[in-house]
Amino acid sequence: MERNSKELKYRVHSKTFETSLPVNPVGGAPGPDRAVSDGYWVILEPLSPVKHDTQFKVSLTNPTTGVLFYNDDLKYTLSVK
């Protein structure tokens, strides 16, 4: 997929950081681990006081093998008062 500079403006990739996974983690073993954050972040102007629907898709793929670990299609309703 070809990306333009406007799309890349909101993509952020962190350095490796230390974390600790719970006893029943999704997609990993419990205990200390290393992780990164990589994705597009949403920056919103102040919203008017009504309900707003937003929908987006997320996925997590192993960068070495290309194996898809997680995939979801999410819809949120934001109620602004």
PDB file of N, CA and C in Angstrom:
ATOM      1  N   MET A   1       0.840  -1.173   0.000  1.00  0.00           N
ATOM      2  CA  MET A   1       0.000   0.000   0.000  1.00  0.00           C
ATOM      3  C   MET A   1       0.887   1.238   0.000  1.00  0.00           C
ATOM      4  N   GLU A   2       0.627   2.133  -0.921  1.00  0.00           N
ATOM      5  CA  GLU A   2       1.400   3.364  -1.019  1.00  0.00           C
ATOM      6  C   GLU A   2       0.856   4.384  -0.033  1.00  0.00           C
ATOM      7  N   ARG A   3       1.726   5.034   0.708  1.00  0.00           N
ATOM      8  CA  ARG A   3       1.328   6.024   1.711  1.00  0.00           C
ATOM      9  C   ARG A   3       1.889   7.381   1.333  1.00  0.00           C
ATOM     10  N   ASN A   4       1.094   8.414   1.550  1.00  0.00           N
ATOM     11  CA  ASN A   4       1.606   9.758   1.288  1.00  0.00           C
ATOM     12  C   ASN A   4       2.117  10.378   2.583  1.00  0.00           C
ATOM     13  N   SER A   5       2.764  11.532   2.481  1.00  0.00           N
ATOM     14  CA  SER A   5       3.392  12.151   3.654  1.00  0.00           C
ATOM     15  C   SER A   5       2.370  12.561   4.706  1.00  0.00           C
ATOM     16  N   LYS A   6       1.142  12.908   4.305  1.00  0.00           N
ATOM     17  CA  LYS A   6       0.113  13.289   5.269  1.00  0.00           C
ATOM     18  C   LYS A   6      -0.243  12.102   6.161  1.00  0.00           C
ATOM     19  N   GLU A   7      -0.348  10.889   5.588  1.00  0.00           N
ATOM     20  CA  GLU A   7      -0.643   9.696   6.373  1.00  0.00           C
ATOM     21  C   GLU A   7       0.495   9.385   7.337  1.00  0.00           C
ATOM     22  N   LEU A   8       1.734   9.519   6.896  1.00  0.00           N
ATOM     23  CA  LEU A   8       2.896   9.201   7.725  1.00  0.00           C
ATOM     24  C   LEU A   8       3.073  10.201   8.859  1.00  0.00           C
ATOM     25  N   LYS A   9       2.504  11.380   8.739  1.00  0.00           N
ATOM     26  CA  LYS A   9       2.628  12.421   9.754  1.00  0.00           C
ATOM     27  C   LYS A   9       2.117  11.958  11.114  1.00  0.00           C
ATOM     28  N   TYR A  10       1.117  11.091  11.148  1.00  0.00           N
ATOM     29  CA  TYR A  10       0.497  10.667  12.402  1.00  0.00           C
ATOM     30  C   TYR A  10       0.941   9.278  12.843  1.00  0.00           C
ATOM     31  N   ARG A  11       1.907   8.683  12.176  1.00  0.00           N
ATOM     32  CA  ARG A  11       2.422   7.380  12.574  1.00  0.00           C
ATOM     33  C   ARG A  11       3.577   7.587  13.542  1.00  0.00           C
ATOM     34  N   VAL A  12       3.540   6.848  14.655  1.00  0.00           N
ATOM     35  CA  VAL A  12       4.592   6.957  15.667  1.00  0.00           C
ATOM     36  C   VAL A  12       5.091   5.559  15.999  1.00  0.00           C
ATOM     37  N   HIS A  13       6.404   5.408  16.051  1.00  0.00           N
ATOM     38  CA  HIS A  13       7.047   4.137  16.406  1.00  0.00           C
ATOM     39  C   HIS A  13       7.941   4.399  17.613  1.00  0.00           C
ATOM     40  N   SER A  14       7.713   3.643  18.683  1.00  0.00           N
ATOM     41  CA  SER A  14       8.511   3.837  19.898  1.00  0.00           C
ATOM     42  C   SER A  14       9.814   3.048  19.830  1.00  0.00           C
ATOM     43  N   LYS A  15      10.697   3.368  20.740  1.00  0.00           N
ATOM     44  CA  LYS A  15      11.871   2.530  20.968  1.00  0.00           C
ATOM     45  C   LYS A  15      11.406   1.308  21.772  1.00  0.00           C
ATOM     46  N   THR A  16      12.227   0.302  21.866  1.00  0.00           N
ATOM     47  CA  THR A  16      11.905  -0.878  22.672  1.00  0.00           C
ATOM     48  C   THR A  16      11.802  -0.467  24.138  1.00  0.00           C
ATOM     49  N   PHE A  17      10.777  -1.001  24.829  1.00  0.00           N
ATOM     50  CA  PHE A  17      10.627  -0.713  26.252  1.00  0.00           C
ATOM     51  C   PHE A  17      10.313  -2.003  26.997  1.00  0.00           C
ATOM     52  N   GLU A  18      10.595  -1.998  28.293  1.00  0.00           N
ATOM     53  CA  GLU A  18      10.359  -3.154  29.153  1.00  0.00           C
ATOM     54  C   GLU A  18       8.905  -3.159  29.624  1.00  0.00           C
ATOM     55  N   THR A  19       8.311  -4.340  29.699  1.00  0.00           N
ATOM     56  CA  THR A  19       6.944  -4.499  30.180  1.00  0.00           C
ATOM     57  C   THR A  19       6.838  -5.814  30.943  1.00  0.00           C
ATOM     58  N   SER A  20       5.725  -6.042  31.574  1.00  0.00           N
ATOM     59  CA  SER A  20       5.483  -7.305  32.264  1.00  0.00           C
ATOM     60  C   SER A  20       4.072  -7.759  31.941  1.00  0.00           C
ATOM     61  N   LEU A  21       3.936  -8.957  31.376  1.00  0.00           N
ATOM     62  CA  LEU A  21       2.636  -9.468  30.978  1.00  0.00           C
ATOM     63  C   LEU A  21       1.952 -10.182  32.137  1.00  0.00           C
ATOM     64  N   PRO A  22       0.609 -10.125  32.195  1.00  0.00           N
ATOM     65  CA  PRO A  22      -0.128 -10.781  33.278  1.00  0.00           C
ATOM     66  C   PRO A  22      -0.096 -12.301  33.150  1.00  0.00           C
ATOM     67  N   VAL A  23      -0.696 -12.981  34.117  1.00  0.00           N
ATOM     68  CA  VAL A  23      -0.690 -14.451  34.149  1.00  0.00           C
ATOM     69  C   VAL A  23      -1.347 -15.055  32.920  1.00  0.00           C
ATOM     70  N   ASN A  24      -2.436 -14.486  32.429  1.00  0.00           N
ATOM     71  CA  ASN A  24      -3.128 -15.013  31.246  1.00  0.00           C
ATOM     72  C   ASN A  24      -3.096 -14.000  30.103  1.00  0.00           C
ATOM     73  N   PRO A  25      -1.920 -13.712  29.547  1.00  0.00           N
ATOM     74  CA  PRO A  25      -1.839 -12.703  28.490  1.00  0.00           C
ATOM     75  C   PRO A  25      -2.394 -13.220  27.163  1.00  0.00           C
ATOM     76  N   VAL A  26      -2.739 -12.296  26.298  1.00  0.00           N
ATOM     77  CA  VAL A  26      -3.155 -12.642  24.937  1.00  0.00           C
ATOM     78  C   VAL A  26      -1.916 -12.519  24.052  1.00  0.00           C
ATOM     79  N   GLY A  27      -1.497 -13.597  23.446  1.00  0.00           N
ATOM     80  CA  GLY A  27      -0.385 -13.561  22.501  1.00  0.00           C
ATOM     81  C   GLY A  27       0.999 -13.522  23.110  1.00  0.00           C
ATOM     82  N   GLY A  28       1.206 -14.131  24.270  1.00  0.00           N
ATOM     83  CA  GLY A  28       2.544 -14.154  24.846  1.00  0.00           C
ATOM     84  C   GLY A  28       2.578 -14.913  26.150  1.00  0.00           C
ATOM     85  N   ALA A  29       3.772 -15.062  26.686  1.00  0.00           N
ATOM     86  CA  ALA A  29       3.953 -15.762  27.961  1.00  0.00           C
ATOM     87  C   ALA A  29       3.958 -14.736  29.093  1.00  0.00           C
ATOM     88  N   PRO A  30       3.484 -15.100  30.287  1.00  0.00           N
ATOM     89  CA  PRO A  30       3.486 -14.153  31.400  1.00  0.00           C
ATOM     90  C   PRO A  30       4.902 -13.808  31.860  1.00  0.00           C
ATOM     91  N   GLY A  31       5.041 -12.615  32.453  1.00  0.00           N
ATOM     92  CA  GLY A  31       6.325 -12.197  32.998  1.00  0.00           C
ATOM     93  C   GLY A  31       6.952 -11.062  32.223  1.00  0.00           C
ATOM     94  N   PRO A  32       8.207 -10.742  32.540  1.00  0.00           N
ATOM     95  CA  PRO A  32       8.914  -9.632  31.895  1.00  0.00           C
ATOM     96  C   PRO A  32       9.084  -9.877  30.396  1.00  0.00           C
ATOM     97  N   ASP A  33       9.017  -8.794  29.624  1.00  0.00           N
ATOM     98  CA  ASP A  33       9.159  -8.891  28.175  1.00  0.00           C
ATOM     99  C   ASP A  33       9.570  -7.525  27.640  1.00  0.00           C
ATOM    100  N   ARG A  34       9.896  -7.475  26.363  1.00  0.00           N
ATOM    101  CA  ARG A  34      10.178  -6.225  25.672  1.00  0.00           C
ATOM    102  C   ARG A  34       9.090  -6.008  24.634  1.00  0.00           C
ATOM    103  N   ALA A  35       8.788  -4.741  24.341  1.00  0.00           N
ATOM    104  CA  ALA A  35       7.727  -4.428  23.391  1.00  0.00           C
ATOM    105  C   ALA A  35       8.036  -3.118  22.680  1.00  0.00           C
ATOM    106  N   VAL A  36       7.273  -2.842  21.642  1.00  0.00           N
ATOM    107  CA  VAL A  36       7.304  -1.556  20.942  1.00  0.00           C
ATOM    108  C   VAL A  36       5.864  -1.141  20.661  1.00  0.00           C
ATOM    109  N   SER A  37       5.676   0.130  20.421  1.00  0.00           N
ATOM    110  CA  SER A  37       4.387   0.654  19.984  1.00  0.00           C
ATOM    111  C   SER A  37       4.598   1.235  18.601  1.00  0.00           C
ATOM    112  N   ASP A  38       3.716   0.888  17.678  1.00  0.00           N
ATOM    113  CA  ASP A  38       3.832   1.381  16.311  1.00  0.00           C
ATOM    114  C   ASP A  38       2.436   1.519  15.747  1.00  0.00           C
ATOM    115  N   GLY A  39       2.058   2.713  15.371  1.00  0.00           N
ATOM    116  CA  GLY A  39       0.727   2.876  14.808  1.00  0.00           C
ATOM    117  C   GLY A  39       0.380   4.316  14.517  1.00  0.00           C
ATOM    118  N   TYR A  40      -0.844   4.479  14.063  1.00  0.00           N
ATOM    119  CA  TYR A  40      -1.382   5.792  13.749  1.00  0.00           C
ATOM    120  C   TYR A  40      -2.225   6.261  14.921  1.00  0.00           C
ATOM    121  N   TRP A  41      -2.047   7.499  15.326  1.00  0.00           N
ATOM    122  CA  TRP A  41      -2.739   8.051  16.478  1.00  0.00           C
ATOM    123  C   TRP A  41      -3.740   9.094  16.009  1.00  0.00           C
ATOM    124  N   VAL A  42      -4.882   9.133  16.665  1.00  0.00           N
ATOM    125  CA  VAL A  42      -5.953  10.045  16.296  1.00  0.00           C
ATOM    126  C   VAL A  42      -5.842  11.321  17.117  1.00  0.00           C
ATOM    127  N   ILE A  43      -5.852  12.446  16.432  1.00  0.00           N
ATOM    128  CA  ILE A  43      -5.824  13.744  17.082  1.00  0.00           C
ATOM    129  C   ILE A  43      -7.115  14.447  16.677  1.00  0.00           C
ATOM    130  N   LEU A  44      -7.948  14.777  17.662  1.00  0.00           N
ATOM    131  CA  LEU A  44      -9.251  15.361  17.377  1.00  0.00           C
ATOM    132  C   LEU A  44      -9.328  16.818  17.820  1.00  0.00           C
ATOM    133  N   GLU A  45     -10.040  17.615  17.047  1.00  0.00           N
ATOM    134  CA  GLU A  45     -10.437  18.949  17.486  1.00  0.00           C
ATOM    135  C   GLU A  45     -11.475  18.742  18.587  1.00  0.00           C
ATOM    136  N   PRO A  46     -11.749  19.757  19.411  1.00  0.00           N
ATOM    137  CA  PRO A  46     -12.821  19.607  20.395  1.00  0.00           C
ATOM    138  C   PRO A  46     -14.131  19.207  19.701  1.00  0.00           C
ATOM    139  N   LEU A  47     -14.826  18.220  20.253  1.00  0.00           N
ATOM    140  CA  LEU A  47     -16.040  17.704  19.638  1.00  0.00           C
ATOM    141  C   LEU A  47     -17.276  18.433  20.148  1.00  0.00           C
ATOM    142  N   SER A  48     -18.264  18.580  19.289  1.00  0.00           N
ATOM    143  CA  SER A  48     -19.530  19.195  19.690  1.00  0.00           C
ATOM    144  C   SER A  48     -20.272  18.257  20.640  1.00  0.00           C
ATOM    145  N   PRO A  49     -21.150  18.792  21.495  1.00  0.00           N
ATOM    146  CA  PRO A  49     -21.825  17.981  22.524  1.00  0.00           C
ATOM    147  C   PRO A  49     -22.972  17.128  21.971  1.00  0.00           C
ATOM    148  N   VAL A  50     -22.611  16.099  21.253  1.00  0.00           N
ATOM    149  CA  VAL A  50     -23.555  15.105  20.716  1.00  0.00           C
ATOM    150  C   VAL A  50     -22.852  13.751  20.737  1.00  0.00           C
ATOM    151  N   LYS A  51     -23.482  12.730  20.188  1.00  0.00           N
ATOM    152  CA  LYS A  51     -22.834  11.417  20.048  1.00  0.00           C
ATOM    153  C   LYS A  51     -22.065  11.377  18.727  1.00  0.00           C
ATOM    154  N   HIS A  52     -20.857  10.829  18.787  1.00  0.00           N
ATOM    155  CA  HIS A  52     -20.007  10.693  17.608  1.00  0.00           C
ATOM    156  C   HIS A  52     -19.620   9.231  17.465  1.00  0.00           C
ATOM    157  N   ASP A  53     -19.778   8.669  16.272  1.00  0.00           N
ATOM    158  CA  ASP A  53     -19.364   7.292  15.998  1.00  0.00           C
ATOM    159  C   ASP A  53     -18.049   7.307  15.250  1.00  0.00           C
ATOM    160  N   THR A  54     -17.149   6.430  15.646  1.00  0.00           N
ATOM    161  CA  THR A  54     -15.879   6.272  14.939  1.00  0.00           C
ATOM    162  C   THR A  54     -15.597   4.781  14.798  1.00  0.00           C
ATOM    163  N   GLN A  55     -14.989   4.403  13.692  1.00  0.00           N
ATOM    164  CA  GLN A  55     -14.703   2.993  13.427  1.00  0.00           C
ATOM    165  C   GLN A  55     -13.305   2.884  12.828  1.00  0.00           C
ATOM    166  N   PHE A  56     -12.554   1.868  13.266  1.00  0.00           N
ATOM    167  CA  PHE A  56     -11.233   1.636  12.703  1.00  0.00           C
ATOM    168  C   PHE A  56     -10.857   0.170  12.833  1.00  0.00           C
ATOM    169  N   LYS A  57      -9.863  -0.218  12.055  1.00  0.00           N
ATOM    170  CA  LYS A  57      -9.378  -1.600  12.054  1.00  0.00           C
ATOM    171  C   LYS A  57      -7.963  -1.626  12.609  1.00  0.00           C
ATOM    172  N   VAL A  58      -7.645  -2.691  13.330  1.00  0.00           N
ATOM    173  CA  VAL A  58      -6.307  -2.868  13.884  1.00  0.00           C
ATOM    174  C   VAL A  58      -5.821  -4.274  13.593  1.00  0.00           C
ATOM    175  N   SER A  59      -4.492  -4.435  13.488  1.00  0.00           N
ATOM    176  CA  SER A  59      -3.915  -5.767  13.319  1.00  0.00           C
ATOM    177  C   SER A  59      -2.505  -5.779  13.895  1.00  0.00           C
ATOM    178  N   LEU A  60      -2.070  -6.943  14.288  1.00  0.00           N
ATOM    179  CA  LEU A  60      -0.729  -7.137  14.824  1.00  0.00           C
ATOM    180  C   LEU A  60      -0.107  -8.302  14.076  1.00  0.00           C
ATOM    181  N   THR A  61       0.990  -8.037  13.390  1.00  0.00           N
ATOM    182  CA  THR A  61       1.673  -9.033  12.570  1.00  0.00           C
ATOM    183  C   THR A  61       3.120  -9.162  13.020  1.00  0.00           C
ATOM    184  N   ASN A  62       3.626 -10.395  13.076  1.00  0.00           N
ATOM    185  CA  ASN A  62       5.035 -10.621  13.386  1.00  0.00           C
ATOM    186  C   ASN A  62       5.862 -10.072  12.233  1.00  0.00           C
ATOM    187  N   PRO A  63       6.752  -9.096  12.490  1.00  0.00           N
ATOM    188  CA  PRO A  63       7.518  -8.498  11.395  1.00  0.00           C
ATOM    189  C   PRO A  63       8.517  -9.447  10.745  1.00  0.00           C
ATOM    190  N   THR A  64       8.903 -10.498  11.429  1.00  0.00           N
ATOM    191  CA  THR A  64       9.860 -11.452  10.877  1.00  0.00           C
ATOM    192  C   THR A  64       9.181 -12.499   9.993  1.00  0.00           C
ATOM    193  N   THR A  65       8.081 -13.072  10.495  1.00  0.00           N
ATOM    194  CA  THR A  65       7.413 -14.163   9.771  1.00  0.00           C
ATOM    195  C   THR A  65       6.216 -13.702   8.948  1.00  0.00           C
ATOM    196  N   GLY A  66       5.675 -12.533   9.274  1.00  0.00           N
ATOM    197  CA  GLY A  66       4.484 -12.063   8.586  1.00  0.00           C
ATOM    198  C   GLY A  66       3.203 -12.712   9.094  1.00  0.00           C
ATOM    199  N   VAL A  67       3.288 -13.513  10.169  1.00  0.00           N
ATOM    200  CA  VAL A  67       2.124 -14.197  10.721  1.00  0.00           C
ATOM    201  C   VAL A  67       1.247 -13.185  11.467  1.00  0.00           C
ATOM    202  N   LEU A  68      -0.046 -13.198  11.152  1.00  0.00           N
ATOM    203  CA  LEU A  68      -1.007 -12.313  11.797  1.00  0.00           C
ATOM    204  C   LEU A  68      -1.368 -12.863  13.162  1.00  0.00           C
ATOM    205  N   PHE A  69      -1.128 -12.070  14.239  1.00  0.00           N
ATOM    206  CA  PHE A  69      -1.449 -12.474  15.610  1.00  0.00           C
ATOM    207  C   PHE A  69      -2.832 -12.014  16.025  1.00  0.00           C
ATOM    208  N   TYR A  70      -3.208 -10.799  15.596  1.00  0.00           N
ATOM    209  CA  TYR A  70      -4.428 -10.187  16.092  1.00  0.00           C
ATOM    210  C   TYR A  70      -5.025  -9.311  15.008  1.00  0.00           C
ATOM    211  N   ASN A  71      -6.352  -9.340  14.907  1.00  0.00           N
ATOM    212  CA  ASN A  71      -7.048  -8.545  13.915  1.00  0.00           C
ATOM    213  C   ASN A  71      -8.408  -8.163  14.493  1.00  0.00           C
ATOM    214  N   ASP A  72      -8.820  -6.902  14.361  1.00  0.00           N
ATOM    215  CA  ASP A  72     -10.113  -6.495  14.894  1.00  0.00           C
ATOM    216  C   ASP A  72     -10.658  -5.315  14.114  1.00  0.00           C
ATOM    217  N   ASP A  73     -11.962  -5.185  14.107  1.00  0.00           N
ATOM    218  CA  ASP A  73     -12.669  -4.077  13.486  1.00  0.00           C
ATOM    219  C   ASP A  73     -13.495  -3.454  14.609  1.00  0.00           C
ATOM    220  N   LEU A  74     -13.128  -2.243  15.034  1.00  0.00           N
ATOM    221  CA  LEU A  74     -13.712  -1.640  16.233  1.00  0.00           C
ATOM    222  C   LEU A  74     -14.600  -0.453  15.895  1.00  0.00           C
ATOM    223  N   LYS A  75     -15.693  -0.322  16.645  1.00  0.00           N
ATOM    224  CA  LYS A  75     -16.563   0.836  16.520  1.00  0.00           C
ATOM    225  C   LYS A  75     -16.806   1.393  17.920  1.00  0.00           C
ATOM    226  N   TYR A  76     -16.573   2.700  18.067  1.00  0.00           N
ATOM    227  CA  TYR A  76     -16.790   3.386  19.330  1.00  0.00           C
ATOM    228  C   TYR A  76     -17.835   4.481  19.147  1.00  0.00           C
ATOM    229  N   THR A  77     -18.647   4.657  20.149  1.00  0.00           N
ATOM    230  CA  THR A  77     -19.563   5.787  20.207  1.00  0.00           C
ATOM    231  C   THR A  77     -19.102   6.679  21.338  1.00  0.00           C
ATOM    232  N   LEU A  78     -18.772   7.926  21.015  1.00  0.00           N
ATOM    233  CA  LEU A  78     -18.328   8.900  21.997  1.00  0.00           C
ATOM    234  C   LEU A  78     -19.483   9.823  22.320  1.00  0.00           C
ATOM    235  N   SER A  79     -19.855   9.901  23.575  1.00  0.00           N
ATOM    236  CA  SER A  79     -20.924  10.815  24.006  1.00  0.00           C
ATOM    237  C   SER A  79     -20.282  12.036  24.654  1.00  0.00           C
ATOM    238  N   VAL A  80     -20.372  13.158  23.980  1.00  0.00           N
ATOM    239  CA  VAL A  80     -19.778  14.403  24.478  1.00  0.00           C
ATOM    240  C   VAL A  80     -20.887  15.245  25.088  1.00  0.00           C
ATOM    241  N   LYS A  81     -20.659  15.658  26.343  1.00  0.00           N
ATOM    242  CA  LYS A  81     -21.667  16.485  27.048  1.00  0.00           C
ATOM    243  C   LYS A  81     -21.200  17.913  27.165  1.00  0.00           C
TER     244      LYS A  81
END
